[in-house]
Amino acid sequence: MRAAIGLLKDPDVLQVVSHPVRLRVLAALSAPASAAAVARAIGQSRQNTNYHLKELERVGLVARTGERRVGNFVETLYRAAARTILVS
């Protein structure tokens, strides 16, 4: 279950979330989605989006929610850790 509000205090986490593409990734993850779906939503390549998803996951702002099979490919689904993020 994701939190309603995430409070950011750690400078390292703030540095990760301050990237404009990462902010767009977080906004696109209002519902669980794959890297490919997020990439289409924000107009970036899947590889670039996947990189930013991994960075957000590393600091706990994005979590894996499962996988789904699409043909012979298995997609990982991600979700934002909180619906709203506040910077302290």
C-alpha atoms as a PDB file:
ATOM      1  CA  MET A   1       0.000   0.000   0.000  1.00  0.00           C
ATOM      2  CA  ARG A   2       1.409   3.374  -0.886  1.00  0.00           C
ATOM      3  CA  ALA A   3       1.483   6.351   1.438  1.00  0.00           C
ATOM      4  CA  ALA A   4      -0.766   9.335   0.864  1.00  0.00           C
ATOM      5  CA  ILE A   5       2.086  11.785   1.475  1.00  0.00           C
ATOM      6  CA  GLY A   6       5.837  11.219   1.315  1.00  0.00           C
ATOM      7  CA  LEU A   7       8.013  13.747   3.183  1.00  0.00           C
ATOM      8  CA  LEU A   8      11.488  14.239   1.707  1.00  0.00           C
ATOM      9  CA  LYS A   9      14.282  15.433   4.002  1.00  0.00           C
ATOM     10  CA  ASP A  10      17.374  13.532   2.847  1.00  0.00           C
ATOM     11  CA  PRO A  11      19.571  15.693   0.553  1.00  0.00           C
ATOM     12  CA  ASP A  12      20.516  12.638  -1.557  1.00  0.00           C
ATOM     13  CA  VAL A  13      16.855  11.842  -2.200  1.00  0.00           C
ATOM     14  CA  LEU A  14      16.162  15.490  -3.013  1.00  0.00           C
ATOM     15  CA  GLN A  15      18.977  15.462  -5.551  1.00  0.00           C
ATOM     16  CA  VAL A  16      17.523  12.374  -7.256  1.00  0.00           C
ATOM     17  CA  VAL A  17      13.982  13.763  -7.396  1.00  0.00           C
ATOM     18  CA  SER A  18      15.082  17.196  -8.627  1.00  0.00           C
ATOM     19  CA  HIS A  19      15.749  15.924 -12.166  1.00  0.00           C
ATOM     20  CA  PRO A  20      12.931  17.108 -14.493  1.00  0.00           C
ATOM     21  CA  VAL A  21      12.503  13.726 -16.216  1.00  0.00           C
ATOM     22  CA  ARG A  22      12.187  11.997 -12.837  1.00  0.00           C
ATOM     23  CA  LEU A  23       9.456  14.418 -11.798  1.00  0.00           C
ATOM     24  CA  ARG A  24       7.580  13.540 -14.995  1.00  0.00           C
ATOM     25  CA  VAL A  25       8.102   9.813 -14.304  1.00  0.00           C
ATOM     26  CA  LEU A  26       6.627  10.197 -10.812  1.00  0.00           C
ATOM     27  CA  ALA A  27       3.654  12.106 -12.212  1.00  0.00           C
ATOM     28  CA  ALA A  28       3.042   9.361 -14.781  1.00  0.00           C
ATOM     29  CA  LEU A  29       2.998   6.676 -12.079  1.00  0.00           C
ATOM     30  CA  SER A  30      -0.374   7.599 -10.580  1.00  0.00           C
ATOM     31  CA  ALA A  31      -1.296   3.993 -11.430  1.00  0.00           C
ATOM     32  CA  PRO A  32       1.090   1.012 -11.779  1.00  0.00           C
ATOM     33  CA  ALA A  33       2.813   1.047 -15.171  1.00  0.00           C
ATOM     34  CA  SER A  34       5.754  -0.465 -17.035  1.00  0.00           C
ATOM     35  CA  ALA A  35       8.826   1.475 -18.161  1.00  0.00           C
ATOM     36  CA  ALA A  36       7.510   1.332 -21.740  1.00  0.00           C
ATOM     37  CA  ALA A  37       4.122   2.783 -20.751  1.00  0.00           C
ATOM     38  CA  VAL A  38       5.743   5.560 -18.723  1.00  0.00           C
ATOM     39  CA  ALA A  39       8.138   6.302 -21.600  1.00  0.00           C
ATOM     40  CA  ARG A  40       5.213   6.724 -24.008  1.00  0.00           C
ATOM     41  CA  ALA A  41       3.388   8.949 -21.512  1.00  0.00           C
ATOM     42  CA  ILE A  42       6.329  11.322 -21.013  1.00  0.00           C
ATOM     43  CA  GLY A  43       7.765  11.208 -24.534  1.00  0.00           C
ATOM     44  CA  GLN A  44      11.131   9.625 -23.646  1.00  0.00           C
ATOM     45  CA  SER A  45      12.888   6.453 -24.770  1.00  0.00           C
ATOM     46  CA  ARG A  46      12.227   3.288 -22.774  1.00  0.00           C
ATOM     47  CA  GLN A  47      15.927   2.968 -21.952  1.00  0.00           C
ATOM     48  CA  ASN A  48      16.134   6.522 -20.602  1.00  0.00           C
ATOM     49  CA  THR A  49      12.920   6.089 -18.617  1.00  0.00           C
ATOM     50  CA  ASN A  50      14.120   2.768 -17.213  1.00  0.00           C
ATOM     51  CA  TYR A  51      17.333   4.431 -15.990  1.00  0.00           C
ATOM     52  CA  HIS A  52      15.337   7.119 -14.164  1.00  0.00           C
ATOM     53  CA  LEU A  53      12.930   4.522 -12.733  1.00  0.00           C
ATOM     54  CA  LYS A  54      15.891   2.591 -11.271  1.00  0.00           C
ATOM     55  CA  GLU A  55      17.260   5.765  -9.663  1.00  0.00           C
ATOM     56  CA  LEU A  56      13.863   6.573  -8.149  1.00  0.00           C
ATOM     57  CA  GLU A  57      13.554   2.973  -6.941  1.00  0.00           C
ATOM     58  CA  ARG A  58      17.036   3.132  -5.374  1.00  0.00           C
ATOM     59  CA  VAL A  59      15.969   5.991  -3.069  1.00  0.00           C
ATOM     60  CA  GLY A  60      12.539   4.527  -2.312  1.00  0.00           C
ATOM     61  CA  LEU A  61      10.339   6.873  -4.341  1.00  0.00           C
ATOM     62  CA  VAL A  62       9.216   4.105  -6.722  1.00  0.00           C
ATOM     63  CA  ALA A  63       8.421   0.475  -5.903  1.00  0.00           C
ATOM     64  CA  ARG A  64       7.969  -2.628  -8.045  1.00  0.00           C
ATOM     65  CA  THR A  65       4.390  -3.880  -7.918  1.00  0.00           C
ATOM     66  CA  GLY A  66       4.649  -6.977 -10.069  1.00  0.00           C
ATOM     67  CA  GLU A  67       5.181  -8.273 -13.563  1.00  0.00           C
ATOM     68  CA  ARG A  68       3.078  -9.017 -16.605  1.00  0.00           C
ATOM     69  CA  ARG A  69       3.801 -11.070 -19.679  1.00  0.00           C
ATOM     70  CA  VAL A  70       3.522  -9.338 -23.061  1.00  0.00           C
ATOM     71  CA  GLY A  71       4.197 -11.915 -25.771  1.00  0.00           C
ATOM     72  CA  ASN A  72       7.617 -13.398 -24.960  1.00  0.00           C
ATOM     73  CA  PHE A  73       8.619 -10.400 -22.842  1.00  0.00           C
ATOM     74  CA  VAL A  74       8.046  -9.915 -19.115  1.00  0.00           C
ATOM     75  CA  GLU A  75       7.429  -6.281 -18.097  1.00  0.00           C
ATOM     76  CA  THR A  76       8.090  -5.049 -14.570  1.00  0.00           C
ATOM     77  CA  LEU A  77       5.349  -2.801 -13.201  1.00  0.00           C
ATOM     78  CA  TYR A  78       6.234   0.176 -10.998  1.00  0.00           C
ATOM     79  CA  ARG A  79       4.228   2.560  -8.831  1.00  0.00           C
ATOM     80  CA  ALA A  80       5.043   5.782  -7.008  1.00  0.00           C
ATOM     81  CA  ALA A  81       5.672   5.206  -3.283  1.00  0.00           C
ATOM     82  CA  ALA A  82       3.363   8.113  -2.347  1.00  0.00           C
ATOM     83  CA  ARG A  83       0.518   9.987  -4.012  1.00  0.00           C
ATOM     84  CA  THR A  84       1.972  13.344  -2.908  1.00  0.00           C
ATOM     85  CA  ILE A  85       5.564  14.287  -2.156  1.00  0.00           C
ATOM     86  CA  LEU A  86       6.494  17.183   0.149  1.00  0.00           C
ATOM     87  CA  VAL A  87       9.970  18.629   0.490  1.00  0.00           C
ATOM     88  CA  SER A  88      11.021  19.607   4.002  1.00  0.00           C
END
